[in-house]
Amino acid sequence: MSSVGAQHGSGAAGDAQDAAPHRFLFDTGSVDFSARLVDKAGIETRIPHRGEMSLLDAIVWHNADFSRTIGVKRVRDDEFWVPGHFPGKPTFPGVMMIETAAQLACWTFLARKSDTPLVLFLRIENAAFRKSLSPGEDLFVLCQEFKHQRRRFISDVQGLVNGEVAFDARLSGMMTEPRGF
């Protein structure tokens, strides 16, 4: 087990009694963070992101009903943002962390569907950033559905870097027309 799983917390992020930023969204103690259940090609069968906007590299874990998932994004030194964010100290942009989480939340929502409609990201709430991320590091994203309807979802997401919480937020998305790709 990686150091990520060894440092899991038992409380949900955002609990009024749990102000410590190191708590994980859900218990990850039994998760094998080295697993790759779904690769990038498999992810792309569900979500439309391609090229430099395809941020999610693999699905590491999901529970039986796909209401909780963990994905991974390997931050590389050849990515488009490296030269300018920031020269001499490349730092993965927070907005890209949120986009990675939004892609996982969309994949999670669509994992139970037989079709693959286009899902649009609608809202970010309560985003907080606590740790930076640099090339060579892995961003593990935890996603837990808060609300799931036929066409819409609300998910709590959290990013982990080296066993520590890098960010958390609540994201919303909604299905639109069937995608044409």
C-alpha atoms as a PDB file:
ATOM      1  CA  MET A   1       0.000   0.000   0.000  1.00  0.00           C
ATOM      2  CA  SER A   2       1.245   3.461  -0.827  1.00  0.00           C
ATOM      3  CA  SER A   3       1.714   6.216   1.691  1.00  0.00           C
ATOM      4  CA  VAL A   4      -1.538   7.739   0.441  1.00  0.00           C
ATOM      5  CA  GLY A   5      -3.625   4.855   1.722  1.00  0.00           C
ATOM      6  CA  ALA A   6      -1.651   4.554   4.934  1.00  0.00           C
ATOM      7  CA  GLN A   7      -2.589   8.068   6.032  1.00  0.00           C
ATOM      8  CA  HIS A   8      -6.342   7.904   5.555  1.00  0.00           C
ATOM      9  CA  GLY A   9      -8.755   9.752   7.761  1.00  0.00           C
ATOM     10  CA  SER A  10     -12.044   8.531   9.090  1.00  0.00           C
ATOM     11  CA  GLY A  11     -14.102  11.725   8.894  1.00  0.00           C
ATOM     12  CA  ALA A  12     -15.671  13.376   5.886  1.00  0.00           C
ATOM     13  CA  ALA A  13     -14.079  16.562   4.644  1.00  0.00           C
ATOM     14  CA  GLY A  14     -16.024  19.619   5.656  1.00  0.00           C
ATOM     15  CA  ASP A  15     -17.617  18.211   8.822  1.00  0.00           C
ATOM     16  CA  ALA A  16     -18.118  21.024  11.324  1.00  0.00           C
ATOM     17  CA  GLN A  17     -16.236  19.011  13.944  1.00  0.00           C
ATOM     18  CA  ASP A  18     -13.426  18.189  11.550  1.00  0.00           C
ATOM     19  CA  ALA A  19     -11.467  21.316  10.742  1.00  0.00           C
ATOM     20  CA  ALA A  20      -8.192  19.459  10.127  1.00  0.00           C
ATOM     21  CA  PRO A  21      -7.269  19.755   6.423  1.00  0.00           C
ATOM     22  CA  HIS A  22      -5.540  16.349   6.411  1.00  0.00           C
ATOM     23  CA  ARG A  23      -8.755  14.324   6.643  1.00  0.00           C
ATOM     24  CA  PHE A  24      -9.695  12.384   3.553  1.00  0.00           C
ATOM     25  CA  LEU A  25     -13.148  12.501   1.950  1.00  0.00           C
ATOM     26  CA  PHE A  26     -13.668   8.797   2.688  1.00  0.00           C
ATOM     27  CA  ASP A  27     -11.684   5.893   4.105  1.00  0.00           C
ATOM     28  CA  THR A  28      -8.953   4.851   1.660  1.00  0.00           C
ATOM     29  CA  GLY A  29      -7.258   2.345   3.960  1.00  0.00           C
ATOM     30  CA  SER A  30      -7.976  -0.687   1.779  1.00  0.00           C
ATOM     31  CA  VAL A  31      -7.321   1.024  -1.572  1.00  0.00           C
ATOM     32  CA  ASP A  32      -4.379  -0.099  -3.703  1.00  0.00           C
ATOM     33  CA  PHE A  33      -3.234   3.227  -5.140  1.00  0.00           C
ATOM     34  CA  SER A  34      -0.982   1.446  -7.631  1.00  0.00           C
ATOM     35  CA  ALA A  35      -3.997  -0.264  -9.271  1.00  0.00           C
ATOM     36  CA  ARG A  36      -5.231   0.898 -12.664  1.00  0.00           C
ATOM     37  CA  LEU A  37      -8.777  -0.430 -13.158  1.00  0.00           C
ATOM     38  CA  VAL A  38      -9.537   1.783 -16.161  1.00  0.00           C
ATOM     39  CA  ASP A  39      -6.832   3.322 -18.353  1.00  0.00           C
ATOM     40  CA  LYS A  40      -6.986   6.558 -20.360  1.00  0.00           C
ATOM     41  CA  ALA A  41      -8.533   4.784 -23.366  1.00  0.00           C
ATOM     42  CA  GLY A  42     -11.273   3.389 -21.139  1.00  0.00           C
ATOM     43  CA  ILE A  43     -11.893   6.798 -19.579  1.00  0.00           C
ATOM     44  CA  GLU A  44     -12.223   8.304 -23.061  1.00  0.00           C
ATOM     45  CA  THR A  45     -15.103   5.917 -23.853  1.00  0.00           C
ATOM     46  CA  ARG A  46     -17.141   7.870 -21.290  1.00  0.00           C
ATOM     47  CA  ILE A  47     -15.876  11.465 -21.316  1.00  0.00           C
ATOM     48  CA  PRO A  48     -14.987  13.579 -24.373  1.00  0.00           C
ATOM     49  CA  HIS A  49     -11.727  15.219 -23.259  1.00  0.00           C
ATOM     50  CA  ARG A  50      -8.822  14.634 -25.622  1.00  0.00           C
ATOM     51  CA  GLY A  51      -5.303  15.843 -26.169  1.00  0.00           C
ATOM     52  CA  GLU A  52      -3.964  18.259 -23.594  1.00  0.00           C
ATOM     53  CA  MET A  53      -7.397  18.551 -21.979  1.00  0.00           C
ATOM     54  CA  SER A  54      -7.548  14.837 -21.185  1.00  0.00           C
ATOM     55  CA  LEU A  55      -6.195  15.141 -17.656  1.00  0.00           C
ATOM     56  CA  LEU A  56      -7.331  11.952 -15.938  1.00  0.00           C
ATOM     57  CA  ASP A  57      -4.847   9.113 -16.548  1.00  0.00           C
ATOM     58  CA  ALA A  58      -6.561   6.182 -14.826  1.00  0.00           C
ATOM     59  CA  ILE A  59      -9.301   5.059 -12.473  1.00  0.00           C
ATOM     60  CA  VAL A  60      -7.596   3.525  -9.447  1.00  0.00           C
ATOM     61  CA  TRP A  61     -10.635   2.369  -7.472  1.00  0.00           C
ATOM     62  CA  HIS A  62     -14.422   2.548  -7.330  1.00  0.00           C
ATOM     63  CA  ASN A  63     -16.998   1.093  -5.017  1.00  0.00           C
ATOM     64  CA  ALA A  64     -19.692  -1.319  -6.240  1.00  0.00           C
ATOM     65  CA  ASP A  65     -22.322   1.319  -7.032  1.00  0.00           C
ATOM     66  CA  PHE A  66     -19.876   3.884  -8.490  1.00  0.00           C
ATOM     67  CA  SER A  67     -20.831   6.507  -5.895  1.00  0.00           C
ATOM     68  CA  ARG A  68     -17.185   6.770  -4.802  1.00  0.00           C
ATOM     69  CA  THR A  69     -14.191   6.685  -7.111  1.00  0.00           C
ATOM     70  CA  ILE A  70     -10.496   7.460  -7.106  1.00  0.00           C
ATOM     71  CA  GLY A  71      -8.619   8.593 -10.193  1.00  0.00           C
ATOM     72  CA  VAL A  72      -5.019   9.593 -10.834  1.00  0.00           C
ATOM     73  CA  LYS A  73      -3.315  12.269 -12.882  1.00  0.00           C
ATOM     74  CA  ARG A  74       0.452  11.990 -13.338  1.00  0.00           C
ATOM     75  CA  VAL A  75       1.873  15.500 -13.657  1.00  0.00           C
ATOM     76  CA  ARG A  76       4.475  15.549 -16.440  1.00  0.00           C
ATOM     77  CA  ASP A  77       7.191  18.068 -17.213  1.00  0.00           C
ATOM     78  CA  ASP A  78       6.204  18.250 -20.901  1.00  0.00           C
ATOM     79  CA  GLU A  79       2.707  19.636 -20.303  1.00  0.00           C
ATOM     80  CA  PHE A  80       1.631  22.930 -21.877  1.00  0.00           C
ATOM     81  CA  TRP A  81       1.480  24.938 -18.636  1.00  0.00           C
ATOM     82  CA  VAL A  82       5.004  24.128 -17.379  1.00  0.00           C
ATOM     83  CA  PRO A  83       6.999  26.951 -19.071  1.00  0.00           C
ATOM     84  CA  GLY A  84       4.711  29.719 -17.866  1.00  0.00           C
ATOM     85  CA  HIS A  85       3.308  28.503 -14.510  1.00  0.00           C
ATOM     86  CA  PHE A  86       5.861  29.318 -13.103  1.00  0.00           C
ATOM     87  CA  PRO A  87       9.277  29.767 -14.781  1.00  0.00           C
ATOM     88  CA  GLY A  88      11.880  27.988 -12.677  1.00  0.00           C
ATOM     89  CA  LYS A  89       9.262  26.382 -10.383  1.00  0.00           C
ATOM     90  CA  PRO A  90       6.567  24.605 -12.404  1.00  0.00           C
ATOM     91  CA  THR A  91       3.377  24.355 -10.355  1.00  0.00           C
ATOM     92  CA  PHE A  92       0.272  22.527 -11.596  1.00  0.00           C
ATOM     93  CA  PRO A  93      -2.454  25.211 -11.768  1.00  0.00           C
ATOM     94  CA  GLY A  94      -5.269  24.927  -9.247  1.00  0.00           C
ATOM     95  CA  VAL A  95      -7.824  25.350 -12.010  1.00  0.00           C
ATOM     96  CA  MET A  96      -6.339  22.235 -13.678  1.00  0.00           C
ATOM     97  CA  MET A  97      -6.654  20.307 -10.396  1.00  0.00           C
ATOM     98  CA  ILE A  98     -10.348  21.220 -10.345  1.00  0.00           C
ATOM     99  CA  GLU A  99     -10.703  20.263 -14.031  1.00  0.00           C
ATOM    100  CA  THR A 100      -9.121  16.873 -13.290  1.00  0.00           C
ATOM    101  CA  ALA A 101     -11.643  16.383 -10.488  1.00  0.00           C
ATOM    102  CA  ALA A 102     -14.512  17.483 -12.760  1.00  0.00           C
ATOM    103  CA  GLN A 103     -13.464  14.867 -15.314  1.00  0.00           C
ATOM    104  CA  LEU A 104     -13.505  12.199 -12.605  1.00  0.00           C
ATOM    105  CA  ALA A 105     -16.906  13.386 -11.344  1.00  0.00           C
ATOM    106  CA  CYS A 106     -18.308  13.179 -14.911  1.00  0.00           C
ATOM    107  CA  TRP A 107     -16.793   9.711 -15.408  1.00  0.00           C
ATOM    108  CA  THR A 108     -18.285   8.614 -12.081  1.00  0.00           C
ATOM    109  CA  PHE A 109     -21.729   9.908 -13.058  1.00  0.00           C
ATOM    110  CA  LEU A 110     -21.566   8.225 -16.475  1.00  0.00           C
ATOM    111  CA  ALA A 111     -20.177   4.888 -15.226  1.00  0.00           C
ATOM    112  CA  ARG A 112     -23.716   3.673 -14.486  1.00  0.00           C
ATOM    113  CA  LYS A 113     -25.222   4.790 -17.784  1.00  0.00           C
ATOM    114  CA  SER A 114     -25.528   2.700 -20.912  1.00  0.00           C
ATOM    115  CA  ASP A 115     -25.192   5.725 -23.193  1.00  0.00           C
ATOM    116  CA  THR A 116     -22.546   8.426 -23.136  1.00  0.00           C
ATOM    117  CA  PRO A 117     -24.228  11.837 -23.217  1.00  0.00           C
ATOM    118  CA  LEU A 118     -22.219  15.011 -22.961  1.00  0.00           C
ATOM    119  CA  VAL A 119     -21.978  16.157 -19.353  1.00  0.00           C
ATOM    120  CA  LEU A 120     -21.121  19.766 -18.639  1.00  0.00           C
ATOM    121  CA  PHE A 121     -19.474  21.062 -15.509  1.00  0.00           C
ATOM    122  CA  LEU A 122     -21.832  23.631 -13.916  1.00  0.00           C
ATOM    123  CA  ARG A 123     -20.516  24.824 -10.581  1.00  0.00           C
ATOM    124  CA  ILE A 124     -17.573  24.866  -8.182  1.00  0.00           C
ATOM    125  CA  GLU A 125     -18.369  25.463  -4.529  1.00  0.00           C
ATOM    126  CA  ASN A 126     -16.150  25.802  -1.478  1.00  0.00           C
ATOM    127  CA  ALA A 127     -12.883  25.159  -3.306  1.00  0.00           C
ATOM    128  CA  ALA A 128      -9.845  25.366  -1.068  1.00  0.00           C
ATOM    129  CA  PHE A 129      -6.228  24.737  -2.062  1.00  0.00           C
ATOM    130  CA  ARG A 130      -3.755  23.515   0.542  1.00  0.00           C
ATOM    131  CA  LYS A 131      -0.751  22.026  -1.250  1.00  0.00           C
ATOM    132  CA  SER A 132       0.972  22.624  -4.575  1.00  0.00           C
ATOM    133  CA  LEU A 133       1.792  19.981  -7.149  1.00  0.00           C
ATOM    134  CA  SER A 134       4.846  19.790  -9.424  1.00  0.00           C
ATOM    135  CA  PRO A 135       5.933  17.665 -12.401  1.00  0.00           C
ATOM    136  CA  GLY A 136       6.792  14.123 -11.378  1.00  0.00           C
ATOM    137  CA  GLU A 137       4.079  13.969  -8.718  1.00  0.00           C
ATOM    138  CA  ASP A 138       0.793  12.079  -8.821  1.00  0.00           C
ATOM    139  CA  LEU A 139      -2.513  13.764  -8.063  1.00  0.00           C
ATOM    140  CA  PHE A 140      -4.970  11.235  -6.672  1.00  0.00           C
ATOM    141  CA  VAL A 141      -8.531  12.528  -6.839  1.00  0.00           C
ATOM    142  CA  LEU A 142     -11.257  11.218  -4.572  1.00  0.00           C
ATOM    143  CA  CYS A 143     -14.848  11.689  -5.724  1.00  0.00           C
ATOM    144  CA  GLN A 144     -17.921  11.036  -3.620  1.00  0.00           C
ATOM    145  CA  GLU A 145     -21.365  11.714  -5.001  1.00  0.00           C
ATOM    146  CA  PHE A 146     -23.421  13.942  -2.756  1.00  0.00           C
ATOM    147  CA  LYS A 147     -26.531  13.859  -4.958  1.00  0.00           C
ATOM    148  CA  HIS A 148     -27.270  11.839  -8.082  1.00  0.00           C
ATOM    149  CA  GLN A 149     -30.277  12.382 -10.321  1.00  0.00           C
ATOM    150  CA  ARG A 150     -31.140  11.167 -13.807  1.00  0.00           C
ATOM    151  CA  ARG A 151     -29.533  14.180 -15.559  1.00  0.00           C
ATOM    152  CA  ARG A 152     -27.585  15.937 -12.822  1.00  0.00           C
ATOM    153  CA  PHE A 153     -25.024  15.263 -10.100  1.00  0.00           C
ATOM    154  CA  ILE A 154     -23.321  16.995  -7.208  1.00  0.00           C
ATOM    155  CA  SER A 155     -20.023  15.508  -6.039  1.00  0.00           C
ATOM    156  CA  ASP A 156     -17.532  16.252  -3.319  1.00  0.00           C
ATOM    157  CA  VAL A 157     -13.965  15.967  -4.590  1.00  0.00           C
ATOM    158  CA  GLN A 158     -10.573  16.020  -2.981  1.00  0.00           C
ATOM    159  CA  GLY A 159      -7.044  15.915  -4.368  1.00  0.00           C
ATOM    160  CA  LEU A 160      -4.217  14.116  -2.592  1.00  0.00           C
ATOM    161  CA  VAL A 161      -0.507  14.703  -3.191  1.00  0.00           C
ATOM    162  CA  ASN A 162       2.051  12.588  -1.343  1.00  0.00           C
ATOM    163  CA  GLY A 163      -0.570  11.527   1.185  1.00  0.00           C
ATOM    164  CA  GLU A 164      -1.715  15.070   1.966  1.00  0.00           C
ATOM    165  CA  VAL A 165      -4.838  16.965   0.955  1.00  0.00           C
ATOM    166  CA  ALA A 166      -4.002  19.381  -1.870  1.00  0.00           C
ATOM    167  CA  PHE A 167      -7.544  20.690  -2.481  1.00  0.00           C
ATOM    168  CA  ASP A 168     -11.192  19.976  -1.937  1.00  0.00           C
ATOM    169  CA  ALA A 169     -14.391  21.298  -3.471  1.00  0.00           C
ATOM    170  CA  ARG A 170     -17.975  20.491  -4.373  1.00  0.00           C
ATOM    171  CA  LEU A 171     -18.707  20.207  -8.108  1.00  0.00           C
ATOM    172  CA  SER A 172     -21.973  20.023 -10.042  1.00  0.00           C
ATOM    173  CA  GLY A 173     -22.638  18.783 -13.552  1.00  0.00           C
ATOM    174  CA  MET A 174     -25.505  18.070 -15.890  1.00  0.00           C
ATOM    175  CA  MET A 175     -26.199  15.976 -18.973  1.00  0.00           C
ATOM    176  CA  THR A 176     -26.946  17.790 -22.204  1.00  0.00           C
ATOM    177  CA  GLU A 177     -27.640  16.380 -25.640  1.00  0.00           C
ATOM    178  CA  PRO A 178     -26.093  13.105 -26.785  1.00  0.00           C
ATOM    179  CA  ARG A 179     -22.503  13.681 -27.742  1.00  0.00           C
ATOM    180  CA  GLY A 180     -21.541  13.409 -31.363  1.00  0.00           C
ATOM    181  CA  PHE A 181     -18.015  12.017 -31.226  1.00  0.00           C
END
